[in-house]
Every structure is written in structure tokens, then in C-alpha cells.
Amino acid sequence: MPGQCSSDPIRMTDHISRESNPAHASQLRCINCGVVFEKAAQNFRCASCGDLLEMVYPRWNATRPDAAALKALWRERRTSGLPVDESGVWRFRELLPSFDDWQEIITLREGNAPLYEMPGCARIAGLRQLYAKHQGMNPTGSFKDTGMTVAASVARREGFRWVACASTGNTSASMAAYAARGGMRSLVLIPEGKVSWGKLSQALDYGAVTCQLKTDFDGCMRVLNEVVQRMPVYLLNSVNPYRLEGQKTAAIELMEQFDWQPPDYIIVPGGNLGNSSALGKALLEMKELGFISSLPKISIIQAAGANPLVRTMRENAGKKLISVQAETAASAIRIGSPASWKKAVAVLQATGGTVEQVSEIEIALAKAEIGADGIGCEPASAVTLAGLKKLVKQGFAKAGDSVVLILTGNLLKDPEFTLKFHRGDLFAGTEREKEADILKPQQRAPILLDASVDAVIRTLKEADDRLET
């Protein structure tokens, strides 16, 4: 039945999902010293050196997944009515950590994110082919859901009653929803005054215990790391490698949408850098396993006011993180000390991608341009188009290249930003006010009229004349 919980009995035989499949048994491995763990510590850090962990599948070396057979199976599952198959994450479960019982998973039918052609944005950027993979069409409105379904399912399997995250908004909304769906309780730490009301309202509605701390995101993360060490609480930030395993399925789905012929470039927003790390991991795995024959170049775009990765790559070639005091209206990427920076650097180097930064004006303009293509996104997603314009001007991407923008959040995530933009208030009274004049052609403020047919028709004609010119 539509809307049934994932704990419903499995109604069809699915021999691949039901059996314990040793070919994709997973392990956790430190990204720095290479030590392997069967189970992670509460903070998901290496017990030997303190670095992050990643998921590896050592038996792929001996029992290589059959790429052609899996492509056919994944396509067939799209017609299934099973919750595990309706999920755009678990449909690709042969490349994910295994569950002995698929009724244990928590799913809101996440994934299945559309791929849109972007003709208007393509013209603006100087390209013939431009696409947007809109992960903002996930159940809670952001890409976080694709990772949360996996990590929250693991938390429930391991018997945790409480899950927790530090968040700039999207993670908290997603975690709270999946915790509620899985019968768990959730704790959210957010920086005071730094989260949009649209995102905060989601966490509240899904029942999270929400704490606004008098610090920034990085400060919230420091507090949370102590909490999970002292209390039986399961950490659901992107340092959790199970999150990244779920998020990597967006790249698998994207390759399927391209009929396994990769685009030339994938452009990703850069915040805590888990998403770019996950997408890159998937592409490298697919290349190694024979699903694709070439690698798209993954490029990461950050706001100029929250640019630790850009500075790290430019100033020391990715050898040591340069943290910054982050400040940008694109709240989803307002992070000054990203946890997954080493993983992101490895992806950039492996795929031949690059980094770029964009101003607040450039973000606002790009967001309006994406909206004008009938798609829409939250501000953090718009850095992709803003950065792409620069990469084309620099000659890094060329007119004939195929490019995909990863839009990570829905337009409705930050309605305050959109309303301020169209009213002309976004940069009013700031040092950027005069520079913001460039945005006026894109602004569409509501027009107050008398309740008169003539007034409406006159306004309609004026708008038509303006658009014609």
C-alpha cells in the first residue's frame, strides 16, 4: 500500500536482497593509516590515529559484482512495489553495506532524484549541454535523505534509542524525520540564529529535541563529539561513513540516467564536503568494477566567505586544512572546518577536478537564473552554476562539454532568502548594496494593485513589453 512503513512484511520473493551476500560484506578502514575495523567507535574516528573512516568491500577483489547483470536488476526493480526497491538508495543495495533482514531498513522512498535539462542556464554559462541533478526533491527536501536512510537504519539495528547531529539545517531535518520513522528519538544541535526557519521547522515537526547553541556549526560539532562519547547516542553527521555510503547512490543513479555514459563534469557545492566525497567514491568504485569506462571531473564550489577547501587547495595543494571563520547567506555551506576535507581532496585529485569560490552576489544571481529555468533551489545549491560560469571563462570547461550541477536543497528550504532577493532587500544597507544593482533584472517583487481589471491588464502589458525587450 502507498505510504506503508518499511517494516511491512516483504510481499515478493527477492533472492538477492534476502540472502546474506558475502560478495558485498563491508569493513571500516581508516583513510590515513589504513587500520581496518569491524565496528566503529562512537565518534567514527580511527582508534589509532584519530582520522576518519571509510567503507570498503574487500571481497569485491575475489567476487567481482557482475556489472551487466546488476544494471538489468536495478532497472527491473524500478517496477517493484517493495519498499526496499522503491527507495532510490536501496535499489542499488549490492554496492552498499548489507542487512541480513531488509525489513530493518528505514526508508521514506528517498533517492529517485530527477535529472533536468537546463537550457536557460546553459546559454548563460556558455554551454550546449547542462543538466541539474536535483537532490532537493528528496522526501525532506535535501540530499541528506540518501545518506540518512542507511545510517539511521544501522543505528536502529544496533539498538540505539537516541540519534544526534550538529546541523546548519538540512541534516537536522533529515535525521529527525528518519528517527521518527524508525521509532527513535533525535537530538539536534544548531548554531543560534544561523539556520533558516524552513529547515528548523522541519526538525521541530518531526519531534527532535532541538538545542540552539551560542556558537557556529563547528562549535556545535565539538560539543556533539563530547556528548556521544559520554552518552549512548548515535552520531549521524557525515563523519559517519554509513551516511556517505547512502549518499554515493546519487552518483550511481546519475550514471544510470546517462545510460552509463558519464558526463564530462559534475559540479558540487562544498560545505562539510561529505557529499562530494561520497559522489567521488561511487564514481571510483563504478570505474573499478566496470560499470563506467571514464570518470567525470568532480569540481567543488564554495562561497567566498566559507572557503576552507579552496584556500587549502590553492595555498598548500591540499596537504593541510586551512580553517576559516565562515560567513555566507548560503547557510547550508556555512562551515569553516569541514570534517571530510581529506576525502574531498582525494576525489579532486583522482578525478582531475578543481575548486572555485563565488561571491554572495554571484550566488544570488545564479539562484535566480536556476529559478528562471523553472527548477529552483536553495542558495547553497546555486554556487554550482555561479562557479561553473567561472570555470567556463577560465577554459576549464568548454562549450561542447556535458556538465551536471548537483542541486542539494529545495527552493522552499530558505524562503526568506528568496523573498528578500525579489524585494531588493537582500543586500540593502550593506557594503554590497551598489554592486547588487546587477540583480535588479532578475527581481520579481509582488505588485500591489487596486482590485481592478484594468490595473491587472495594464500591469500584464507592461510586463510583456519589458520581457520582449
Protein backbone atom coordinates (compact mmCIF):
# COMPACT_ATOMS: atom_id res chain seq x y z
CA MET A 1 0.00 0.00 0.00
CA PRO A 2 1.27 3.50 -0.70
CA GLY A 3 2.80 5.14 2.35
CA GLN A 4 3.40 1.87 4.21
CA CYS A 5 6.32 1.80 6.62
CA SER A 6 9.41 -0.11 5.61
CA SER A 7 8.79 -2.61 8.39
CA ASP A 8 5.88 -4.12 6.44
CA PRO A 9 6.33 -7.80 5.57
CA ILE A 10 8.16 -8.42 2.30
CA ARG A 11 5.48 -9.47 -0.13
CA MET A 12 7.56 -10.79 -3.01
CA THR A 13 10.49 -13.14 -3.37
CA ASP A 14 13.76 -11.27 -3.83
CA HIS A 15 16.56 -13.80 -3.67
CA ILE A 16 19.33 -11.23 -3.93
CA SER A 17 18.08 -8.98 -1.13
CA ARG A 18 17.02 -11.78 1.23
CA GLU A 19 20.20 -13.82 1.25
CA SER A 20 23.33 -12.92 3.15
CA ASN A 21 25.55 -11.87 0.28
CA PRO A 22 29.26 -12.27 1.18
CA ALA A 23 30.32 -10.59 -2.06
CA HIS A 24 29.48 -7.20 -0.60
CA ALA A 25 30.47 -7.72 3.05
CA SER A 26 31.92 -4.43 4.24
CA GLN A 27 34.64 -3.20 6.58
CA LEU A 28 35.60 0.17 8.02
CA ARG A 29 39.09 1.41 7.18
CA CYS A 30 40.99 4.49 8.32
CA ILE A 31 41.65 6.90 5.44
CA ASN A 32 45.04 7.80 6.92
CA CYS A 33 46.76 4.79 8.50
CA GLY A 34 44.71 2.04 6.83
CA VAL A 35 43.77 0.18 10.02
CA VAL A 36 40.62 -1.92 9.49
CA PHE A 37 37.77 -2.12 11.98
CA GLU A 38 34.73 -4.36 12.10
CA LYS A 39 32.87 -1.76 14.16
CA ALA A 40 33.37 1.97 14.64
CA ALA A 41 33.84 3.93 17.84
CA GLN A 42 31.10 6.34 18.92
CA ASN A 43 32.80 9.28 17.21
CA PHE A 44 33.60 7.34 13.99
CA ARG A 45 37.28 8.13 14.28
CA CYS A 46 40.24 5.79 13.94
CA ALA A 47 41.33 4.49 17.34
CA SER A 48 44.97 4.53 16.16
CA CYS A 49 45.39 7.97 14.57
CA GLY A 50 42.07 9.79 15.03
CA ASP A 51 41.28 10.26 11.34
CA LEU A 52 38.03 9.47 9.53
CA LEU A 53 36.87 6.03 8.45
CA GLU A 54 35.59 4.86 5.09
CA MET A 55 33.63 1.81 3.99
CA VAL A 56 35.46 -0.79 1.90
CA TYR A 57 34.34 -4.06 0.32
CA PRO A 58 37.42 -6.33 0.24
CA ARG A 59 35.60 -9.32 -1.24
CA TRP A 60 34.95 -7.39 -4.45
CA ASN A 61 38.54 -8.31 -5.34
CA ALA A 62 37.71 -12.01 -5.27
CA THR A 63 34.00 -11.97 -6.17
CA ARG A 64 33.60 -9.10 -8.60
CA PRO A 65 29.98 -7.90 -8.99
CA ASP A 66 28.58 -8.55 -12.46
CA ALA A 67 28.03 -5.05 -13.82
CA ALA A 68 25.75 -6.04 -16.71
CA ALA A 69 23.56 -8.25 -14.51
CA LEU A 70 23.26 -5.60 -11.83
CA LYS A 71 22.34 -2.87 -14.32
CA ALA A 72 19.49 -5.07 -15.53
CA LEU A 73 18.40 -5.96 -12.00
CA TRP A 74 18.42 -2.33 -10.84
CA ARG A 75 16.32 -1.35 -13.85
CA GLU A 76 13.85 -4.17 -13.13
CA ARG A 77 13.48 -3.10 -9.51
CA ARG A 78 12.05 0.23 -10.63
CA THR A 79 8.76 -1.58 -11.32
CA SER A 80 8.71 -3.34 -7.93
CA GLY A 81 6.32 -2.45 -5.13
CA LEU A 82 8.72 -3.43 -2.36
CA PRO A 83 9.80 -0.58 -0.06
CA VAL A 84 13.42 -1.65 -0.43
CA ASP A 85 13.10 -1.39 -4.22
CA GLU A 86 11.08 1.83 -4.29
CA SER A 87 13.94 3.53 -2.48
CA GLY A 88 16.38 5.13 -4.90
CA VAL A 89 19.13 4.21 -2.43
CA TRP A 90 18.37 0.60 -1.53
CA ARG A 91 17.62 -0.26 -5.15
CA PHE A 92 21.42 -0.28 -5.51
CA ARG A 93 21.98 -2.34 -2.36
CA GLU A 94 24.55 -4.69 -3.90
CA LEU A 95 27.05 -1.81 -3.61
CA LEU A 96 26.00 -0.92 -0.05
CA PRO A 97 26.53 -2.40 3.43
CA SER A 98 24.35 -5.49 3.73
CA PHE A 99 21.47 -6.22 6.06
CA ASP A 100 20.51 -9.77 6.99
CA ASP A 101 16.88 -8.68 7.12
CA TRP A 102 15.78 -5.91 4.76
CA GLN A 103 12.78 -5.24 6.98
CA GLU A 104 15.23 -3.50 9.31
CA ILE A 105 15.76 -0.55 6.99
CA ILE A 106 14.11 2.82 7.49
CA THR A 107 13.03 4.32 4.20
CA LEU A 108 10.91 7.26 3.05
CA ARG A 109 11.38 6.25 -0.61
CA GLU A 110 14.38 8.58 -0.85
CA GLY A 111 16.55 8.99 -3.92
CA ASN A 112 14.96 8.80 -7.35
CA ALA A 113 16.04 12.42 -7.85
CA PRO A 114 15.19 13.86 -11.28
CA LEU A 115 17.75 14.92 -13.86
CA TYR A 116 16.68 18.14 -15.58
CA GLU A 117 17.94 19.81 -18.72
CA MET A 118 18.78 23.46 -18.04
CA PRO A 119 18.60 25.31 -21.37
CA GLY A 120 18.49 28.84 -19.96
CA CYS A 121 21.36 28.25 -17.57
CA ALA A 122 23.32 26.53 -20.34
CA ARG A 123 23.09 29.67 -22.50
CA ILE A 124 24.13 31.85 -19.59
CA ALA A 125 27.13 29.63 -18.80
CA GLY A 126 28.16 29.30 -22.45
CA LEU A 127 27.46 25.57 -22.80
CA ARG A 128 25.45 23.48 -25.22
CA GLN A 129 24.55 20.79 -22.64
CA LEU A 130 23.80 21.48 -18.99
CA TYR A 131 21.85 19.30 -16.58
CA ALA A 132 20.83 19.52 -12.94
CA LYS A 133 20.53 16.51 -10.67
CA HIS A 134 18.02 17.84 -8.14
CA GLN A 135 18.54 16.12 -4.82
CA GLY A 136 16.29 18.73 -3.28
CA MET A 137 13.41 16.56 -4.49
CA ASN A 138 14.10 14.04 -1.71
CA PRO A 139 11.43 13.50 1.00
CA THR A 140 12.72 16.16 3.42
CA GLY A 141 13.95 18.41 0.62
CA SER A 142 17.68 17.73 0.54
CA PHE A 143 20.36 15.22 -0.43
CA LYS A 144 20.82 14.29 3.24
CA ASP A 145 18.00 11.74 2.99
CA THR A 146 20.02 9.42 0.76
CA GLY A 147 22.64 9.03 3.46
CA MET A 148 20.28 9.13 6.40
CA THR A 149 18.31 6.08 5.32
CA VAL A 150 21.46 3.96 5.59
CA ALA A 151 22.96 5.44 8.76
CA ALA A 152 19.65 5.62 10.64
CA SER A 153 18.92 2.01 9.69
CA VAL A 154 22.29 0.98 11.13
CA ALA A 155 21.55 2.94 14.33
CA ARG A 156 18.27 1.10 14.81
CA ARG A 157 19.85 -2.27 14.01
CA GLU A 158 22.49 -1.61 16.68
CA GLY A 159 19.81 -0.87 19.27
CA PHE A 160 20.23 2.88 19.77
CA ARG A 161 17.26 4.81 21.21
CA TRP A 162 18.81 8.24 20.54
CA VAL A 163 20.47 9.66 17.44
CA ALA A 164 22.05 13.11 17.16
CA CYS A 165 23.60 15.61 14.79
CA ALA A 166 25.03 19.10 14.60
CA SER A 167 23.49 20.92 11.69
CA THR A 168 23.13 24.04 9.58
CA GLY A 169 19.57 22.84 8.90
CA ASN A 170 19.27 20.11 6.31
CA THR A 171 20.90 17.33 8.33
CA SER A 172 18.66 18.05 11.31
CA ALA A 173 15.50 17.90 9.20
CA SER A 174 16.52 14.64 7.60
CA MET A 175 17.74 12.98 10.78
CA ALA A 176 14.63 13.93 12.74
CA ALA A 177 12.37 12.51 10.03
CA TYR A 178 14.20 9.19 9.78
CA ALA A 179 14.46 8.87 13.56
CA ALA A 180 10.72 9.41 13.91
CA ARG A 181 10.01 6.94 11.14
CA GLY A 182 12.26 4.36 12.81
CA GLY A 183 10.85 4.81 16.32
CA MET A 184 13.97 6.53 17.68
CA ARG A 185 14.48 9.87 19.42
CA SER A 186 16.62 12.65 17.98
CA LEU A 187 18.83 15.41 19.38
CA VAL A 188 19.73 18.39 17.19
CA LEU A 189 22.41 21.00 17.89
CA ILE A 190 22.20 24.10 15.69
CA PRO A 191 24.04 27.44 15.77
CA GLU A 192 21.83 30.17 17.19
CA GLY A 193 20.41 32.47 14.51
CA LYS A 194 22.22 30.70 11.67
CA VAL A 195 19.55 28.28 10.43
CA SER A 196 16.64 29.16 8.15
CA TRP A 197 13.18 28.87 9.66
CA GLY A 198 12.11 26.49 6.91
CA LYS A 199 14.71 23.93 7.97
CA LEU A 200 14.27 24.48 11.70
CA SER A 201 10.51 23.99 11.44
CA GLN A 202 11.06 20.54 9.91
CA ALA A 203 13.16 19.30 12.80
CA LEU A 204 10.61 20.60 15.28
CA ASP A 205 7.70 18.99 13.47
CA TYR A 206 9.47 15.62 13.29
CA GLY A 207 9.86 15.68 17.08
CA ALA A 208 13.54 16.46 17.59
CA VAL A 209 14.90 17.85 20.84
CA THR A 210 16.42 20.96 19.29
CA CYS A 211 19.15 22.96 21.05
CA GLN A 212 20.32 26.32 19.70
CA LEU A 213 23.90 26.80 20.85
CA LYS A 214 25.64 30.17 21.08
CA THR A 215 28.35 29.19 18.60
CA ASP A 216 28.81 28.33 14.93
CA PHE A 217 28.40 24.94 13.24
CA ASP A 218 31.96 23.90 14.05
CA GLY A 219 31.34 24.72 17.72
CA CYS A 220 28.16 22.62 17.67
CA MET A 221 30.17 19.74 16.24
CA ARG A 222 32.76 19.99 19.00
CA VAL A 223 30.04 19.82 21.67
CA LEU A 224 28.33 16.89 19.99
CA ASN A 225 31.55 14.90 19.78
CA GLU A 226 31.77 15.10 23.56
CA VAL A 227 28.09 14.19 24.02
CA VAL A 228 28.34 10.96 22.01
CA GLN A 229 31.42 9.93 23.97
CA ARG A 230 29.59 10.30 27.27
CA MET A 231 26.06 9.16 26.38
CA PRO A 232 24.58 6.23 24.40
CA VAL A 233 23.76 8.45 21.44
CA TYR A 234 24.45 7.53 17.80
CA LEU A 235 26.21 10.20 15.73
CA LEU A 236 24.56 10.92 12.38
CA ASN A 237 26.74 13.65 10.90
CA SER A 238 28.65 12.92 7.70
CA VAL A 239 31.72 11.76 9.64
CA ASN A 240 29.59 8.61 9.90
CA PRO A 241 30.73 6.55 6.87
CA TYR A 242 27.33 4.88 6.56
CA ARG A 243 25.95 8.31 5.64
CA LEU A 244 28.37 8.58 2.74
CA GLU A 245 27.53 5.08 1.52
CA GLY A 246 23.91 6.14 1.10
CA GLN A 247 24.84 9.45 -0.47
CA LYS A 248 27.03 7.77 -3.06
CA THR A 249 23.94 6.22 -4.68
CA ALA A 250 23.09 9.60 -6.21
CA ALA A 251 26.11 9.11 -8.48
CA ILE A 252 25.05 5.55 -9.35
CA GLU A 253 21.57 6.81 -10.18
CA LEU A 254 23.06 9.64 -12.24
CA MET A 255 25.14 7.24 -14.32
CA GLU A 256 22.02 5.12 -14.90
CA GLN A 257 20.18 8.25 -16.06
CA PHE A 258 23.03 8.85 -18.52
CA ASP A 259 22.78 5.22 -19.70
CA TRP A 260 26.18 4.59 -18.10
CA GLN A 261 27.91 7.14 -20.38
CA PRO A 262 29.40 9.61 -17.87
CA PRO A 263 29.19 13.38 -18.36
CA ASP A 264 32.41 15.35 -18.58
CA TYR A 265 31.94 17.36 -15.38
CA ILE A 266 29.97 17.16 -12.13
CA ILE A 267 29.79 20.39 -10.12
CA VAL A 268 29.09 20.06 -6.38
CA PRO A 269 28.56 22.62 -3.58
CA GLY A 270 31.21 22.45 -0.87
CA GLY A 271 30.22 22.61 2.81
CA ASN A 272 31.27 19.83 5.17
CA LEU A 273 32.44 18.01 1.99
CA GLY A 274 30.71 14.71 2.68
CA ASN A 275 28.60 14.82 -0.48
CA SER A 276 31.46 15.45 -2.90
CA SER A 277 33.41 12.70 -1.11
CA ALA A 278 30.51 10.26 -1.44
CA LEU A 279 29.87 11.01 -5.11
CA GLY A 280 33.54 10.63 -5.91
CA LYS A 281 33.76 7.36 -4.01
CA ALA A 282 30.87 5.96 -6.05
CA LEU A 283 32.40 7.00 -9.35
CA LEU A 284 35.77 5.46 -8.47
CA GLU A 285 34.07 2.23 -7.40
CA MET A 286 31.95 2.10 -10.56
CA LYS A 287 35.02 2.63 -12.71
CA GLU A 288 36.94 -0.10 -10.88
CA LEU A 289 34.02 -2.55 -11.18
CA GLY A 290 33.41 -1.89 -14.86
CA PHE A 291 30.10 -0.03 -14.65
CA ILE A 292 31.57 3.05 -16.39
CA SER A 293 34.59 3.47 -18.63
CA SER A 294 35.64 7.01 -17.70
CA LEU A 295 35.50 9.38 -14.73
CA PRO A 296 33.72 12.74 -14.75
CA LYS A 297 35.77 15.56 -13.28
CA ILE A 298 34.24 16.48 -9.90
CA SER A 299 34.66 20.15 -9.10
CA ILE A 300 33.71 21.70 -5.77
CA ILE A 301 32.42 25.25 -5.40
CA GLN A 302 32.38 27.19 -2.14
CA ALA A 303 31.14 30.58 -1.03
CA ALA A 304 34.00 33.08 -0.82
CA GLY A 305 33.10 33.68 2.82
CA ALA A 306 33.24 29.97 3.65
CA ASN A 307 36.12 28.73 1.52
CA PRO A 308 38.39 26.44 3.56
CA LEU A 309 38.81 23.87 0.79
CA VAL A 310 39.56 26.50 -1.85
CA ARG A 311 42.25 28.01 0.35
CA THR A 312 43.59 24.59 1.28
CA MET A 313 43.99 23.56 -2.35
CA ARG A 314 45.42 26.86 -3.52
CA GLU A 315 47.75 27.58 -0.63
CA ASN A 316 49.18 24.15 0.17
CA ALA A 317 47.87 21.76 -2.54
CA GLY A 318 45.51 20.01 -0.12
CA LYS A 319 48.16 18.97 2.41
CA LYS A 320 46.75 20.71 5.50
CA LEU A 321 43.31 22.15 6.15
CA ILE A 322 43.11 25.92 6.41
CA SER A 323 40.05 26.57 8.59
CA VAL A 324 38.17 29.86 8.26
CA GLN A 325 35.54 31.82 10.17
CA ALA A 326 32.67 31.01 7.83
CA GLU A 327 30.19 33.69 6.81
CA THR A 328 27.71 33.37 3.94
CA ALA A 329 23.97 33.67 3.41
CA ALA A 330 24.12 30.19 1.85
CA SER A 331 23.63 28.66 5.29
CA ALA A 332 23.90 25.02 4.21
CA ILE A 333 27.59 25.53 3.37
CA ARG A 334 28.45 27.97 6.17
CA ILE A 335 31.15 25.66 7.52
CA GLY A 336 34.70 26.77 8.26
CA SER A 337 36.32 23.49 9.26
CA PRO A 338 34.89 20.71 7.08
CA ALA A 339 35.26 17.20 8.51
CA SER A 340 35.62 15.38 5.18
CA TRP A 341 38.26 17.65 3.64
CA LYS A 342 40.83 14.86 3.16
CA LYS A 343 38.28 12.69 1.36
CA ALA A 344 37.32 15.63 -0.87
CA VAL A 345 40.95 16.36 -1.72
CA ALA A 346 41.41 12.72 -2.72
CA VAL A 347 38.35 12.92 -5.00
CA LEU A 348 39.58 16.11 -6.67
CA GLN A 349 42.95 14.53 -7.34
CA ALA A 350 41.53 11.21 -8.55
CA THR A 351 39.03 12.75 -10.97
CA GLY A 352 41.05 15.75 -12.18
CA GLY A 353 38.56 18.25 -10.79
CA THR A 354 39.15 21.70 -9.36
CA VAL A 355 37.84 24.16 -6.79
CA GLU A 356 36.39 27.63 -7.15
CA GLN A 357 34.80 30.25 -4.91
CA VAL A 358 31.94 32.65 -5.63
CA SER A 359 30.69 35.86 -4.06
CA GLU A 360 27.35 36.47 -2.35
CA ILE A 361 26.17 38.49 -5.36
CA GLU A 362 27.15 35.69 -7.72
CA ILE A 363 25.26 33.15 -5.60
CA ALA A 364 22.10 35.28 -5.54
CA LEU A 365 22.22 35.85 -9.30
CA ALA A 366 22.79 32.16 -10.07
CA LYS A 367 19.93 31.14 -7.78
CA ALA A 368 17.55 33.42 -9.68
CA GLU A 369 18.83 32.07 -13.02
CA ILE A 370 18.20 28.49 -11.91
CA GLY A 371 14.72 29.55 -10.82
CA ALA A 372 14.11 31.11 -14.23
CA ASP A 373 14.60 27.64 -15.74
CA GLY A 374 11.59 26.51 -13.71
CA ILE A 375 13.60 24.44 -11.24
CA GLY A 376 14.58 26.44 -8.17
CA CYS A 377 16.95 25.59 -5.33
CA GLU A 378 18.23 26.84 -2.01
CA PRO A 379 21.14 29.32 -2.03
CA ALA A 380 23.88 26.76 -1.34
CA SER A 381 22.93 24.79 -4.46
CA ALA A 382 23.30 27.89 -6.62
CA VAL A 383 27.05 28.05 -6.06
CA THR A 384 27.27 25.30 -8.70
CA LEU A 385 26.05 27.50 -11.55
CA ALA A 386 27.95 30.53 -10.25
CA GLY A 387 31.15 28.50 -10.13
CA LEU A 388 30.53 26.86 -13.49
CA LYS A 389 30.39 30.26 -15.18
CA LYS A 390 33.88 30.95 -13.87
CA LEU A 391 35.20 27.55 -14.93
CA VAL A 392 33.93 28.11 -18.47
CA LYS A 393 35.52 31.57 -18.63
CA GLN A 394 38.79 30.07 -17.41
CA GLY A 395 38.63 27.41 -20.14
CA PHE A 396 38.48 24.54 -17.65
CA ALA A 397 35.09 23.50 -19.07
CA LYS A 398 34.36 24.02 -22.77
CA ALA A 399 31.19 24.79 -24.70
CA GLY A 400 30.81 21.24 -26.04
CA ASP A 401 31.28 19.52 -22.67
CA SER A 402 28.39 17.87 -20.85
CA VAL A 403 28.04 19.19 -17.31
CA VAL A 404 25.82 18.22 -14.36
CA LEU A 405 25.07 20.57 -11.48
CA ILE A 406 24.27 18.85 -8.19
CA LEU A 407 21.44 20.82 -6.59
CA THR A 408 21.42 19.73 -2.97
CA GLY A 409 18.41 21.53 -1.48
CA ASN A 410 14.88 22.55 -2.37
CA LEU A 411 13.84 26.14 -3.06
CA LEU A 412 11.49 26.03 -0.06
CA LYS A 413 14.35 25.35 2.35
CA ASP A 414 15.13 29.07 2.62
CA PRO A 415 12.13 31.15 1.54
CA GLU A 416 13.40 34.18 3.47
CA PHE A 417 16.39 34.47 1.15
CA THR A 418 14.17 34.29 -1.94
CA LEU A 419 11.69 36.88 -0.68
CA LYS A 420 14.45 39.30 0.32
CA PHE A 421 16.07 38.86 -3.09
CA HIS A 422 12.93 39.69 -5.04
CA ARG A 423 12.03 42.63 -2.79
CA GLY A 424 15.51 44.04 -3.24
CA ASP A 425 16.26 43.76 0.49
CA LEU A 426 18.93 41.05 0.42
CA PHE A 427 21.89 43.42 0.36
CA ALA A 428 20.16 46.63 1.46
CA GLY A 429 22.24 48.62 3.93
CA THR A 430 25.35 46.51 3.32
CA GLU A 431 28.63 47.26 1.56
CA ARG A 432 27.34 45.17 -1.35
CA GLU A 433 24.24 47.31 -1.94
CA LYS A 434 25.53 49.17 -5.00
CA GLU A 435 27.05 46.02 -6.52
CA ALA A 436 23.68 44.33 -6.09
CA ASP A 437 22.18 46.58 -8.80
CA ILE A 438 23.18 43.82 -11.23
CA LEU A 439 20.42 41.68 -9.69
CA LYS A 440 17.54 44.04 -10.50
CA PRO A 441 16.60 42.47 -13.88
CA GLN A 442 16.03 39.16 -12.07
CA GLN A 443 13.90 40.58 -9.25
CA ARG A 444 10.14 39.96 -9.28
CA ALA A 445 8.66 41.75 -6.29
CA PRO A 446 4.89 41.41 -5.69
CA ILE A 447 2.96 44.32 -7.20
CA LEU A 448 0.25 45.92 -5.06
CA LEU A 449 -2.77 46.95 -7.16
CA ASP A 450 -6.35 48.06 -6.72
CA ALA A 451 -8.86 45.26 -7.28
CA SER A 452 -9.39 46.42 -10.86
CA VAL A 453 -9.36 44.51 -14.14
CA ASP A 454 -7.83 47.48 -15.91
CA ALA A 455 -4.99 47.69 -13.39
CA VAL A 456 -4.19 44.00 -13.84
CA ILE A 457 -4.30 44.23 -17.64
CA ARG A 458 -2.09 47.32 -17.64
CA THR A 459 0.44 45.52 -15.43
CA LEU A 460 0.29 42.48 -17.70
CA LYS A 461 1.02 44.57 -20.78
CA GLU A 462 3.88 46.39 -19.06
CA ALA A 463 5.42 43.07 -18.07
CA ASP A 464 5.02 41.74 -21.60
CA ASP A 465 6.72 44.79 -23.08
CA ARG A 466 9.54 44.54 -20.56
CA LEU A 467 10.13 40.84 -21.32
CA GLU A 468 10.09 41.48 -25.07
CA THR A 469 12.91 43.99 -24.73
